[in-house]
Amino acid sequence: MRVLGAEFTRTCVSPEQFPAETWPEFAVVGRSNVGKSSLINALLQRKHLARVSRTPGKTQAVNFFEVRTGDPRLSTIRLADLPGYGYARVSKSLQREWAPLIEAYLTRRTLLRCVVLLIDARGAEASDENTYAWLRRCGHDPLVVMTKIDKLKRGERRDGENGVRQVLGLPPEVRPLGVSSITKEGREDLWKAIAARLKT
């Protein structure tokens, strides 16, 4: 996917603040510190568009970005950055406040075509399993993506993929995509997978 331009447009802390539905949308969700902001910047080919925080759990709202591409069928698309989950220092009460906001986004947006679920390639956790099941209950078929594959040797990646499969209970035909925000490996394959769903 050739990205012609991208810009941050809105931060929403309530469903009433969500932008009007105009273009196909995809959302990115993942455990805190999984590298979500770094991956968004790599996808959009911008260094600092999505803020990368050293404090896991920093994103506490739904952030929207508008993206212009070289694909005539997807000339403009929207990306939603959802709050991270599973970080112990974020209070349980605050996490409960996020849940209705995220669920409202996942269940109300008619142009939401793809939910990208990020899993650390070095190991999936129970919170990942719970989120995958929750997304399925919300009616989505998450696109599972393993981040930070540059941290694994080639021979370790198969074990990482098998571990993700086992924790999430993925069917044999579903293969997680591996990406690295550092080396950009897997970026084009991820864009192809996202574009295919946006065009449905």
N, C-alpha and C. Protein backbone atom coordinates (compact mmCIF):
# COMPACT_ATOMS: atom_id res chain seq x y z
N MET A 1 0.84 -1.18 0.00
CA MET A 1 0.00 0.00 0.00
C MET A 1 0.89 1.25 0.00
N ARG A 2 0.64 2.14 -0.94
CA ARG A 2 1.39 3.39 -0.99
C ARG A 2 0.64 4.45 -0.21
N VAL A 3 1.22 4.91 0.88
CA VAL A 3 0.60 5.91 1.73
C VAL A 3 1.01 7.29 1.22
N LEU A 4 0.03 8.08 0.82
CA LEU A 4 0.30 9.42 0.29
C LEU A 4 0.30 10.48 1.38
N GLY A 5 -0.44 10.21 2.44
CA GLY A 5 -0.50 11.17 3.53
C GLY A 5 -1.30 10.61 4.68
N ALA A 6 -1.01 11.09 5.87
CA ALA A 6 -1.73 10.63 7.05
C ALA A 6 -1.71 11.73 8.09
N GLU A 7 -2.83 11.86 8.81
CA GLU A 7 -2.89 12.87 9.85
C GLU A 7 -3.78 12.42 11.00
N PHE A 8 -3.37 12.83 12.19
CA PHE A 8 -4.20 12.61 13.36
C PHE A 8 -5.38 13.58 13.30
N THR A 9 -6.59 13.07 13.61
CA THR A 9 -7.76 13.93 13.48
C THR A 9 -8.54 14.14 14.77
N ARG A 10 -8.59 13.12 15.65
CA ARG A 10 -9.46 13.29 16.81
C ARG A 10 -9.15 12.28 17.91
N THR A 11 -9.28 12.73 19.16
CA THR A 11 -9.25 11.86 20.32
C THR A 11 -10.63 11.83 20.93
N CYS A 12 -11.16 10.63 21.18
CA CYS A 12 -12.52 10.49 21.68
C CYS A 12 -12.54 9.74 23.00
N VAL A 13 -13.21 10.30 23.98
CA VAL A 13 -13.35 9.65 25.27
C VAL A 13 -14.79 9.22 25.52
N SER A 14 -15.66 9.44 24.53
CA SER A 14 -17.05 8.98 24.61
C SER A 14 -17.52 8.69 23.20
N PRO A 15 -18.49 7.77 23.03
CA PRO A 15 -18.98 7.44 21.70
C PRO A 15 -19.56 8.64 20.96
N GLU A 16 -20.10 9.61 21.70
CA GLU A 16 -20.68 10.78 21.06
C GLU A 16 -19.65 11.61 20.30
N GLN A 17 -18.39 11.42 20.63
CA GLN A 17 -17.32 12.17 19.97
C GLN A 17 -16.78 11.48 18.73
N PHE A 18 -17.20 10.25 18.47
CA PHE A 18 -16.71 9.54 17.29
C PHE A 18 -17.02 10.35 16.03
N PRO A 19 -16.10 10.38 15.06
CA PRO A 19 -16.37 11.11 13.82
C PRO A 19 -17.46 10.43 13.00
N ALA A 20 -18.11 11.22 12.16
CA ALA A 20 -19.12 10.67 11.25
C ALA A 20 -18.47 9.63 10.35
N GLU A 21 -19.21 8.58 10.06
CA GLU A 21 -18.67 7.51 9.21
C GLU A 21 -18.67 7.95 7.76
N THR A 22 -17.47 8.00 7.21
CA THR A 22 -17.30 8.49 5.84
C THR A 22 -16.52 7.51 4.98
N TRP A 23 -15.48 6.90 5.57
CA TRP A 23 -14.59 6.01 4.82
C TRP A 23 -14.46 4.67 5.52
N PRO A 24 -14.00 3.66 4.79
CA PRO A 24 -13.75 2.36 5.44
C PRO A 24 -12.74 2.54 6.59
N GLU A 25 -12.96 1.79 7.67
CA GLU A 25 -12.12 1.94 8.86
C GLU A 25 -11.48 0.61 9.24
N PHE A 26 -10.29 0.72 9.84
CA PHE A 26 -9.72 -0.44 10.52
C PHE A 26 -9.20 0.03 11.87
N ALA A 27 -9.22 -0.88 12.83
CA ALA A 27 -8.83 -0.56 14.19
C ALA A 27 -7.64 -1.41 14.60
N VAL A 28 -6.81 -0.85 15.49
CA VAL A 28 -5.65 -1.56 16.00
C VAL A 28 -5.79 -1.66 17.51
N VAL A 29 -5.69 -2.87 18.03
CA VAL A 29 -5.82 -3.11 19.47
C VAL A 29 -4.73 -4.08 19.90
N GLY A 30 -4.27 -3.94 21.14
CA GLY A 30 -3.24 -4.84 21.62
C GLY A 30 -2.91 -4.57 23.07
N ARG A 31 -2.22 -5.52 23.67
CA ARG A 31 -1.80 -5.40 25.06
C ARG A 31 -0.88 -4.19 25.21
N SER A 32 -0.94 -3.53 26.35
CA SER A 32 -0.05 -2.41 26.61
C SER A 32 1.40 -2.83 26.44
N ASN A 33 2.16 -1.99 25.77
CA ASN A 33 3.59 -2.22 25.52
C ASN A 33 3.86 -3.27 24.45
N VAL A 34 2.84 -3.57 23.63
CA VAL A 34 3.03 -4.54 22.54
C VAL A 34 3.67 -3.88 21.32
N GLY A 35 3.78 -2.55 21.35
CA GLY A 35 4.36 -1.84 20.21
C GLY A 35 3.34 -1.29 19.26
N LYS A 36 2.15 -0.97 19.78
CA LYS A 36 1.05 -0.53 18.93
C LYS A 36 1.35 0.81 18.23
N SER A 37 1.79 1.79 19.00
CA SER A 37 2.07 3.09 18.40
C SER A 37 3.22 3.01 17.39
N SER A 38 4.22 2.23 17.71
CA SER A 38 5.35 2.06 16.79
C SER A 38 4.90 1.42 15.49
N LEU A 39 4.01 0.43 15.58
CA LEU A 39 3.52 -0.23 14.38
C LEU A 39 2.67 0.72 13.54
N ILE A 40 1.82 1.51 14.20
CA ILE A 40 1.00 2.48 13.46
C ILE A 40 1.91 3.46 12.72
N ASN A 41 2.94 3.96 13.38
CA ASN A 41 3.88 4.87 12.71
C ASN A 41 4.56 4.19 11.53
N ALA A 42 4.91 2.90 11.69
CA ALA A 42 5.56 2.18 10.59
C ALA A 42 4.59 1.98 9.43
N LEU A 43 3.33 1.65 9.74
CA LEU A 43 2.34 1.47 8.69
C LEU A 43 2.11 2.76 7.92
N LEU A 44 2.01 3.87 8.64
CA LEU A 44 1.69 5.15 8.03
C LEU A 44 2.94 5.89 7.54
N GLN A 45 4.09 5.27 7.77
CA GLN A 45 5.37 5.81 7.32
C GLN A 45 5.61 7.23 7.86
N ARG A 46 5.29 7.38 9.15
CA ARG A 46 5.53 8.63 9.86
C ARG A 46 6.21 8.29 11.18
N LYS A 47 7.22 9.06 11.56
CA LYS A 47 8.00 8.71 12.74
C LYS A 47 7.27 8.99 14.05
N HIS A 48 6.52 10.07 14.10
CA HIS A 48 5.97 10.49 15.38
C HIS A 48 4.48 10.80 15.32
N LEU A 49 3.76 10.22 14.35
CA LEU A 49 2.33 10.53 14.22
C LEU A 49 1.56 9.97 15.40
N ALA A 50 1.74 8.70 15.68
CA ALA A 50 1.17 8.09 16.89
C ALA A 50 2.22 8.21 17.98
N ARG A 51 1.84 8.77 19.11
CA ARG A 51 2.81 9.02 20.16
C ARG A 51 3.24 7.72 20.84
N VAL A 52 4.55 7.51 20.88
CA VAL A 52 5.11 6.34 21.52
C VAL A 52 5.48 6.73 22.95
N SER A 53 4.85 6.07 23.91
CA SER A 53 5.09 6.39 25.32
C SER A 53 5.92 5.30 25.98
N ARG A 54 6.78 5.71 26.91
CA ARG A 54 7.54 4.73 27.70
C ARG A 54 6.70 4.21 28.85
N THR A 55 5.51 4.79 29.03
CA THR A 55 4.62 4.35 30.10
C THR A 55 3.52 3.49 29.50
N PRO A 56 3.56 2.15 29.66
CA PRO A 56 2.52 1.30 29.11
C PRO A 56 1.15 1.68 29.64
N GLY A 57 0.14 1.57 28.79
CA GLY A 57 -1.22 1.91 29.20
C GLY A 57 -1.54 3.38 29.05
N LYS A 58 -0.68 4.12 28.33
CA LYS A 58 -0.85 5.57 28.23
C LYS A 58 -2.09 5.94 27.43
N THR A 59 -2.37 5.21 26.34
CA THR A 59 -3.53 5.53 25.51
C THR A 59 -4.80 5.22 26.28
N GLN A 60 -5.60 6.24 26.56
CA GLN A 60 -6.81 6.06 27.36
C GLN A 60 -8.04 6.55 26.61
N ALA A 61 -7.95 6.62 25.30
CA ALA A 61 -9.06 7.08 24.48
C ALA A 61 -8.94 6.41 23.12
N VAL A 62 -9.93 6.60 22.26
CA VAL A 62 -9.85 6.13 20.89
C VAL A 62 -9.32 7.27 20.04
N ASN A 63 -8.18 7.06 19.41
CA ASN A 63 -7.57 8.09 18.57
C ASN A 63 -7.79 7.74 17.11
N PHE A 64 -8.22 8.72 16.32
CA PHE A 64 -8.52 8.51 14.92
C PHE A 64 -7.50 9.19 14.02
N PHE A 65 -7.17 8.51 12.91
CA PHE A 65 -6.26 9.03 11.91
C PHE A 65 -6.91 8.88 10.54
N GLU A 66 -6.73 9.86 9.68
CA GLU A 66 -7.18 9.75 8.29
C GLU A 66 -5.97 9.49 7.41
N VAL A 67 -6.12 8.53 6.51
CA VAL A 67 -5.00 8.08 5.69
C VAL A 67 -5.39 8.16 4.22
N ARG A 68 -4.53 8.78 3.42
CA ARG A 68 -4.72 8.84 1.97
C ARG A 68 -3.75 7.87 1.32
N THR A 69 -4.25 7.06 0.41
CA THR A 69 -3.42 6.02 -0.20
C THR A 69 -3.44 6.13 -1.72
N GLY A 70 -2.55 5.37 -2.35
CA GLY A 70 -2.48 5.33 -3.80
C GLY A 70 -3.41 4.32 -4.42
N ASP A 71 -4.20 3.64 -3.61
CA ASP A 71 -5.17 2.66 -4.11
C ASP A 71 -6.46 3.40 -4.48
N PRO A 72 -6.86 3.38 -5.74
CA PRO A 72 -8.06 4.13 -6.13
C PRO A 72 -9.33 3.68 -5.44
N ARG A 73 -9.37 2.43 -5.00
CA ARG A 73 -10.56 1.95 -4.29
C ARG A 73 -10.54 2.33 -2.81
N LEU A 74 -9.37 2.72 -2.34
CA LEU A 74 -9.22 3.09 -0.93
C LEU A 74 -8.46 4.42 -0.85
N SER A 75 -8.93 5.41 -1.58
CA SER A 75 -8.19 6.67 -1.64
C SER A 75 -8.08 7.33 -0.27
N THR A 76 -9.12 7.17 0.55
CA THR A 76 -9.07 7.67 1.93
C THR A 76 -9.64 6.59 2.84
N ILE A 77 -8.93 6.29 3.91
CA ILE A 77 -9.39 5.33 4.90
C ILE A 77 -9.16 5.94 6.28
N ARG A 78 -9.76 5.33 7.28
CA ARG A 78 -9.60 5.82 8.66
C ARG A 78 -9.05 4.71 9.54
N LEU A 79 -8.12 5.07 10.41
CA LEU A 79 -7.53 4.14 11.37
C LEU A 79 -7.94 4.58 12.77
N ALA A 80 -8.35 3.61 13.59
CA ALA A 80 -8.68 3.88 14.99
C ALA A 80 -7.68 3.16 15.88
N ASP A 81 -7.05 3.91 16.75
CA ASP A 81 -6.09 3.37 17.72
C ASP A 81 -6.83 3.21 19.04
N LEU A 82 -7.05 1.95 19.46
CA LEU A 82 -7.81 1.67 20.67
C LEU A 82 -6.90 1.55 21.88
N PRO A 83 -7.41 1.82 23.09
CA PRO A 83 -6.58 1.75 24.29
C PRO A 83 -5.98 0.36 24.49
N GLY A 84 -4.76 0.34 25.03
CA GLY A 84 -4.11 -0.93 25.34
C GLY A 84 -4.76 -1.58 26.54
N TYR A 85 -4.52 -2.87 26.70
CA TYR A 85 -5.13 -3.61 27.80
C TYR A 85 -4.08 -4.42 28.54
N GLY A 86 -4.44 -4.84 29.74
CA GLY A 86 -3.64 -5.83 30.45
C GLY A 86 -2.44 -5.31 31.21
N TYR A 87 -2.37 -3.99 31.47
CA TYR A 87 -1.20 -3.50 32.20
C TYR A 87 -1.55 -3.28 33.66
N ALA A 88 -0.77 -3.84 34.55
CA ALA A 88 -1.12 -3.88 35.98
C ALA A 88 -1.20 -2.49 36.61
N ARG A 89 -0.38 -1.54 36.15
CA ARG A 89 -0.36 -0.23 36.78
C ARG A 89 -1.58 0.62 36.43
N VAL A 90 -2.32 0.21 35.41
CA VAL A 90 -3.57 0.90 35.09
C VAL A 90 -4.64 0.32 35.99
N SER A 91 -5.31 1.16 36.75
CA SER A 91 -6.27 0.66 37.73
C SER A 91 -7.39 -0.10 37.07
N LYS A 92 -7.92 -1.08 37.80
CA LYS A 92 -9.03 -1.87 37.28
C LYS A 92 -10.25 -0.99 37.02
N SER A 93 -10.45 0.03 37.85
CA SER A 93 -11.61 0.91 37.65
C SER A 93 -11.47 1.68 36.35
N LEU A 94 -10.24 2.11 36.03
CA LEU A 94 -10.04 2.83 34.78
C LEU A 94 -10.23 1.90 33.59
N GLN A 95 -9.75 0.67 33.71
CA GLN A 95 -9.94 -0.29 32.63
C GLN A 95 -11.42 -0.56 32.41
N ARG A 96 -12.20 -0.60 33.48
CA ARG A 96 -13.65 -0.79 33.33
C ARG A 96 -14.30 0.40 32.63
N GLU A 97 -13.73 1.58 32.82
CA GLU A 97 -14.25 2.76 32.12
C GLU A 97 -13.96 2.69 30.63
N TRP A 98 -12.80 2.10 30.26
CA TRP A 98 -12.47 1.98 28.85
C TRP A 98 -13.40 1.01 28.13
N ALA A 99 -13.76 -0.07 28.81
CA ALA A 99 -14.48 -1.16 28.15
C ALA A 99 -15.73 -0.71 27.41
N PRO A 100 -16.63 0.08 28.02
CA PRO A 100 -17.82 0.52 27.28
C PRO A 100 -17.48 1.37 26.05
N LEU A 101 -16.43 2.18 26.16
CA LEU A 101 -16.01 3.01 25.03
C LEU A 101 -15.56 2.15 23.86
N ILE A 102 -14.70 1.17 24.16
CA ILE A 102 -14.19 0.30 23.10
C ILE A 102 -15.31 -0.55 22.52
N GLU A 103 -16.16 -1.10 23.39
CA GLU A 103 -17.24 -1.95 22.89
C GLU A 103 -18.21 -1.14 22.04
N ALA A 104 -18.47 0.11 22.42
CA ALA A 104 -19.34 0.96 21.61
C ALA A 104 -18.73 1.16 20.22
N TYR A 105 -17.42 1.36 20.17
CA TYR A 105 -16.77 1.52 18.87
C TYR A 105 -16.88 0.24 18.05
N LEU A 106 -16.58 -0.89 18.67
CA LEU A 106 -16.55 -2.16 17.94
C LEU A 106 -17.92 -2.59 17.45
N THR A 107 -18.96 -2.22 18.15
CA THR A 107 -20.30 -2.71 17.80
C THR A 107 -21.14 -1.72 17.02
N ARG A 108 -20.77 -0.45 17.01
CA ARG A 108 -21.62 0.56 16.37
C ARG A 108 -21.12 1.04 15.01
N ARG A 109 -19.85 0.88 14.73
CA ARG A 109 -19.29 1.45 13.51
C ARG A 109 -19.58 0.53 12.33
N THR A 110 -20.45 0.97 11.45
CA THR A 110 -20.86 0.12 10.32
C THR A 110 -19.79 0.02 9.25
N LEU A 111 -18.85 0.97 9.20
CA LEU A 111 -17.79 0.95 8.20
C LEU A 111 -16.49 0.34 8.74
N LEU A 112 -16.54 -0.20 9.95
CA LEU A 112 -15.38 -0.89 10.50
C LEU A 112 -15.24 -2.25 9.81
N ARG A 113 -14.21 -2.39 9.01
CA ARG A 113 -14.04 -3.59 8.20
C ARG A 113 -12.98 -4.55 8.73
N CYS A 114 -12.10 -4.06 9.60
CA CYS A 114 -10.97 -4.91 10.01
C CYS A 114 -10.51 -4.48 11.40
N VAL A 115 -10.33 -5.47 12.28
CA VAL A 115 -9.73 -5.22 13.60
C VAL A 115 -8.41 -5.98 13.66
N VAL A 116 -7.33 -5.25 13.83
CA VAL A 116 -6.00 -5.83 13.90
C VAL A 116 -5.64 -6.05 15.36
N LEU A 117 -5.44 -7.30 15.74
CA LEU A 117 -5.08 -7.65 17.12
C LEU A 117 -3.58 -7.93 17.18
N LEU A 118 -2.86 -7.12 17.94
CA LEU A 118 -1.42 -7.26 18.05
C LEU A 118 -1.05 -8.15 19.24
N ILE A 119 -0.18 -9.10 18.99
CA ILE A 119 0.32 -10.02 20.01
C ILE A 119 1.84 -9.99 19.97
N ASP A 120 2.49 -9.89 21.12
CA ASP A 120 3.94 -9.93 21.17
C ASP A 120 4.41 -11.31 20.70
N ALA A 121 5.28 -11.34 19.71
CA ALA A 121 5.76 -12.61 19.15
C ALA A 121 6.48 -13.46 20.19
N ARG A 122 6.93 -12.84 21.26
CA ARG A 122 7.68 -13.58 22.28
C ARG A 122 6.78 -14.29 23.28
N GLY A 123 5.47 -14.09 23.15
CA GLY A 123 4.59 -14.83 24.04
C GLY A 123 3.23 -14.18 24.20
N ALA A 124 2.16 -14.94 23.93
CA ALA A 124 0.80 -14.48 24.16
C ALA A 124 0.43 -14.71 25.62
N GLU A 125 -0.48 -13.90 26.14
CA GLU A 125 -0.89 -14.00 27.53
C GLU A 125 -2.40 -14.20 27.63
N ALA A 126 -2.86 -14.44 28.85
CA ALA A 126 -4.30 -14.66 29.06
C ALA A 126 -5.12 -13.47 28.62
N SER A 127 -4.59 -12.25 28.81
CA SER A 127 -5.34 -11.06 28.38
C SER A 127 -5.51 -11.03 26.87
N ASP A 128 -4.54 -11.56 26.13
CA ASP A 128 -4.67 -11.66 24.68
C ASP A 128 -5.79 -12.63 24.30
N GLU A 129 -5.81 -13.77 24.99
CA GLU A 129 -6.87 -14.76 24.74
C GLU A 129 -8.24 -14.16 25.03
N ASN A 130 -8.36 -13.45 26.15
CA ASN A 130 -9.65 -12.86 26.51
C ASN A 130 -10.09 -11.80 25.50
N THR A 131 -9.13 -11.01 25.03
CA THR A 131 -9.47 -9.97 24.05
C THR A 131 -9.88 -10.58 22.72
N TYR A 132 -9.17 -11.61 22.29
CA TYR A 132 -9.53 -12.30 21.05
C TYR A 132 -10.96 -12.83 21.14
N ALA A 133 -11.29 -13.46 22.26
CA ALA A 133 -12.64 -14.00 22.44
C ALA A 133 -13.67 -12.88 22.48
N TRP A 134 -13.32 -11.77 23.11
CA TRP A 134 -14.24 -10.62 23.19
C TRP A 134 -14.51 -10.04 21.81
N LEU A 135 -13.46 -9.90 21.01
CA LEU A 135 -13.63 -9.39 19.65
C LEU A 135 -14.53 -10.30 18.83
N ARG A 136 -14.36 -11.59 19.02
CA ARG A 136 -15.22 -12.55 18.32
C ARG A 136 -16.67 -12.38 18.76
N ARG A 137 -16.90 -12.19 20.05
CA ARG A 137 -18.26 -11.99 20.54
C ARG A 137 -18.87 -10.70 20.00
N CYS A 138 -18.03 -9.73 19.71
CA CYS A 138 -18.51 -8.45 19.15
C CYS A 138 -18.77 -8.56 17.64
N GLY A 139 -18.54 -9.74 17.08
CA GLY A 139 -18.84 -9.96 15.67
C GLY A 139 -17.68 -9.77 14.72
N HIS A 140 -16.46 -9.72 15.24
CA HIS A 140 -15.29 -9.48 14.39
C HIS A 140 -14.44 -10.74 14.27
N ASP A 141 -13.76 -10.83 13.14
CA ASP A 141 -12.79 -11.88 12.90
C ASP A 141 -11.42 -11.22 12.92
N PRO A 142 -10.77 -11.13 14.07
CA PRO A 142 -9.54 -10.33 14.19
C PRO A 142 -8.43 -10.80 13.27
N LEU A 143 -7.71 -9.84 12.72
CA LEU A 143 -6.50 -10.12 11.96
C LEU A 143 -5.37 -10.16 12.97
N VAL A 144 -4.86 -11.36 13.24
CA VAL A 144 -3.87 -11.54 14.30
C VAL A 144 -2.47 -11.25 13.76
N VAL A 145 -1.77 -10.35 14.45
CA VAL A 145 -0.45 -9.90 14.01
C VAL A 145 0.54 -10.04 15.16
N MET A 146 1.65 -10.70 14.89
CA MET A 146 2.71 -10.84 15.89
C MET A 146 3.71 -9.71 15.71
N THR A 147 3.90 -8.90 16.76
CA THR A 147 4.83 -7.78 16.70
C THR A 147 6.21 -8.18 17.21
N LYS A 148 7.18 -7.33 16.93
CA LYS A 148 8.55 -7.48 17.45
C LYS A 148 9.21 -8.78 17.02
N ILE A 149 8.95 -9.21 15.78
CA ILE A 149 9.57 -10.46 15.33
C ILE A 149 11.08 -10.31 15.16
N ASP A 150 11.56 -9.07 15.12
CA ASP A 150 13.01 -8.86 15.04
C ASP A 150 13.70 -9.31 16.32
N LYS A 151 12.93 -9.48 17.39
CA LYS A 151 13.50 -9.94 18.66
C LYS A 151 13.74 -11.45 18.68
N LEU A 152 13.20 -12.14 17.68
CA LEU A 152 13.33 -13.60 17.63
C LEU A 152 14.25 -14.01 16.49
N LYS A 153 15.02 -15.05 16.73
CA LYS A 153 15.81 -15.64 15.66
C LYS A 153 14.86 -16.38 14.72
N ARG A 154 15.33 -16.59 13.51
CA ARG A 154 14.48 -17.26 12.51
C ARG A 154 13.93 -18.57 13.03
N GLY A 155 14.77 -19.34 13.70
CA GLY A 155 14.34 -20.63 14.19
C GLY A 155 13.35 -20.55 15.34
N GLU A 156 13.27 -19.38 15.99
CA GLU A 156 12.36 -19.22 17.12
C GLU A 156 10.98 -18.76 16.71
N ARG A 157 10.85 -18.29 15.50
CA ARG A 157 9.58 -17.68 15.07
C ARG A 157 8.46 -18.72 14.96
N ARG A 158 8.78 -19.91 14.50
CA ARG A 158 7.75 -20.95 14.41
C ARG A 158 7.21 -21.29 15.79
N ASP A 159 8.12 -21.36 16.77
CA ASP A 159 7.67 -21.63 18.14
C ASP A 159 6.78 -20.49 18.63
N GLY A 160 7.14 -19.26 18.29
CA GLY A 160 6.33 -18.12 18.68
C GLY A 160 4.95 -18.17 18.05
N GLU A 161 4.91 -18.52 16.78
CA GLU A 161 3.62 -18.63 16.09
C GLU A 161 2.77 -19.74 16.69
N ASN A 162 3.40 -20.88 16.97
CA ASN A 162 2.65 -21.99 17.57
C ASN A 162 2.11 -21.62 18.95
N GLY A 163 2.90 -20.84 19.69
CA GLY A 163 2.44 -20.40 21.00
C GLY A 163 1.23 -19.49 20.91
N VAL A 164 1.24 -18.58 19.95
CA VAL A 164 0.08 -17.69 19.74
C VAL A 164 -1.13 -18.50 19.34
N ARG A 165 -0.93 -19.44 18.44
CA ARG A 165 -2.03 -20.31 18.01
C ARG A 165 -2.66 -21.03 19.20
N GLN A 166 -1.81 -21.56 20.03
CA GLN A 166 -2.30 -22.35 21.16
C GLN A 166 -3.07 -21.49 22.15
N VAL A 167 -2.53 -20.33 22.50
CA VAL A 167 -3.19 -19.47 23.49
C VAL A 167 -4.53 -18.96 22.97
N LEU A 168 -4.56 -18.54 21.71
CA LEU A 168 -5.80 -17.98 21.16
C LEU A 168 -6.77 -19.04 20.68
N GLY A 169 -6.27 -20.25 20.46
CA GLY A 169 -7.13 -21.31 19.93
C GLY A 169 -7.46 -21.09 18.48
N LEU A 170 -6.47 -20.66 17.68
CA LEU A 170 -6.71 -20.35 16.28
C LEU A 170 -6.91 -21.62 15.46
N PRO A 171 -7.82 -21.60 14.50
CA PRO A 171 -7.98 -22.76 13.61
C PRO A 171 -6.77 -22.90 12.70
N PRO A 172 -6.54 -24.09 12.15
CA PRO A 172 -5.33 -24.34 11.35
C PRO A 172 -5.18 -23.40 10.15
N GLU A 173 -6.30 -22.97 9.58
CA GLU A 173 -6.21 -22.14 8.38
C GLU A 173 -5.85 -20.68 8.67
N VAL A 174 -5.86 -20.28 9.93
CA VAL A 174 -5.54 -18.91 10.30
C VAL A 174 -4.08 -18.85 10.70
N ARG A 175 -3.29 -18.07 9.95
CA ARG A 175 -1.87 -17.94 10.25
C ARG A 175 -1.57 -16.50 10.64
N PRO A 176 -1.06 -16.27 11.86
CA PRO A 176 -0.71 -14.91 12.27
C PRO A 176 0.36 -14.31 11.36
N LEU A 177 0.25 -13.02 11.11
CA LEU A 177 1.26 -12.31 10.34
C LEU A 177 2.34 -11.81 11.29
N GLY A 178 3.58 -11.87 10.86
CA GLY A 178 4.69 -11.36 11.66
C GLY A 178 5.18 -10.03 11.12
N VAL A 179 5.38 -9.05 12.01
CA VAL A 179 5.85 -7.73 11.58
C VAL A 179 6.90 -7.20 12.55
N SER A 180 7.69 -6.28 12.04
CA SER A 180 8.66 -5.57 12.88
C SER A 180 8.60 -4.09 12.54
N SER A 181 8.36 -3.27 13.55
CA SER A 181 8.37 -1.83 13.33
C SER A 181 9.78 -1.31 13.12
N ILE A 182 10.78 -2.07 13.57
CA ILE A 182 12.17 -1.65 13.45
C ILE A 182 12.69 -1.91 12.04
N THR A 183 12.56 -3.15 11.57
CA THR A 183 13.11 -3.51 10.26
C THR A 183 12.10 -3.33 9.13
N LYS A 184 10.84 -3.11 9.49
CA LYS A 184 9.72 -2.97 8.53
C LYS A 184 9.35 -4.30 7.87
N GLU A 185 9.94 -5.39 8.33
CA GLU A 185 9.58 -6.71 7.80
C GLU A 185 8.10 -6.98 8.04
N GLY A 186 7.43 -7.46 7.02
CA GLY A 186 6.03 -7.83 7.13
C GLY A 186 5.06 -6.68 6.95
N ARG A 187 5.55 -5.46 6.80
CA ARG A 187 4.66 -4.30 6.69
C ARG A 187 3.77 -4.38 5.46
N GLU A 188 4.35 -4.71 4.32
CA GLU A 188 3.55 -4.77 3.09
C GLU A 188 2.54 -5.90 3.13
N ASP A 189 2.92 -7.04 3.70
CA ASP A 189 1.97 -8.14 3.83
C ASP A 189 0.80 -7.74 4.72
N LEU A 190 1.08 -7.00 5.78
CA LEU A 190 0.01 -6.54 6.66
C LEU A 190 -0.90 -5.57 5.93
N TRP A 191 -0.34 -4.65 5.17
CA TRP A 191 -1.17 -3.71 4.41
C TRP A 191 -2.05 -4.46 3.42
N LYS A 192 -1.51 -5.47 2.76
CA LYS A 192 -2.31 -6.25 1.81
C LYS A 192 -3.49 -6.91 2.49
N ALA A 193 -3.25 -7.48 3.68
CA ALA A 193 -4.31 -8.15 4.43
C ALA A 193 -5.37 -7.14 4.87
N ILE A 194 -4.93 -5.96 5.32
CA ILE A 194 -5.88 -4.93 5.75
C ILE A 194 -6.68 -4.44 4.55
N ALA A 195 -6.02 -4.17 3.43
CA ALA A 195 -6.69 -3.66 2.24
C ALA A 195 -7.74 -4.64 1.74
N ALA A 196 -7.42 -5.93 1.78
CA ALA A 196 -8.36 -6.95 1.32
C ALA A 196 -9.66 -6.89 2.12
N ARG A 197 -9.54 -6.66 3.41
CA ARG A 197 -10.74 -6.60 4.25
C ARG A 197 -11.48 -5.26 4.08
N LEU A 198 -10.73 -4.20 3.87
CA LEU A 198 -11.37 -2.90 3.68
C LEU A 198 -12.20 -2.85 2.40
N LYS A 199 -11.84 -3.68 1.44
CA LYS A 199 -12.54 -3.67 0.16
C LYS A 199 -13.79 -4.56 0.15
N THR A 200 -14.04 -5.28 1.24
CA THR A 200 -15.20 -6.16 1.29
C THR A 200 -16.47 -5.38 1.60
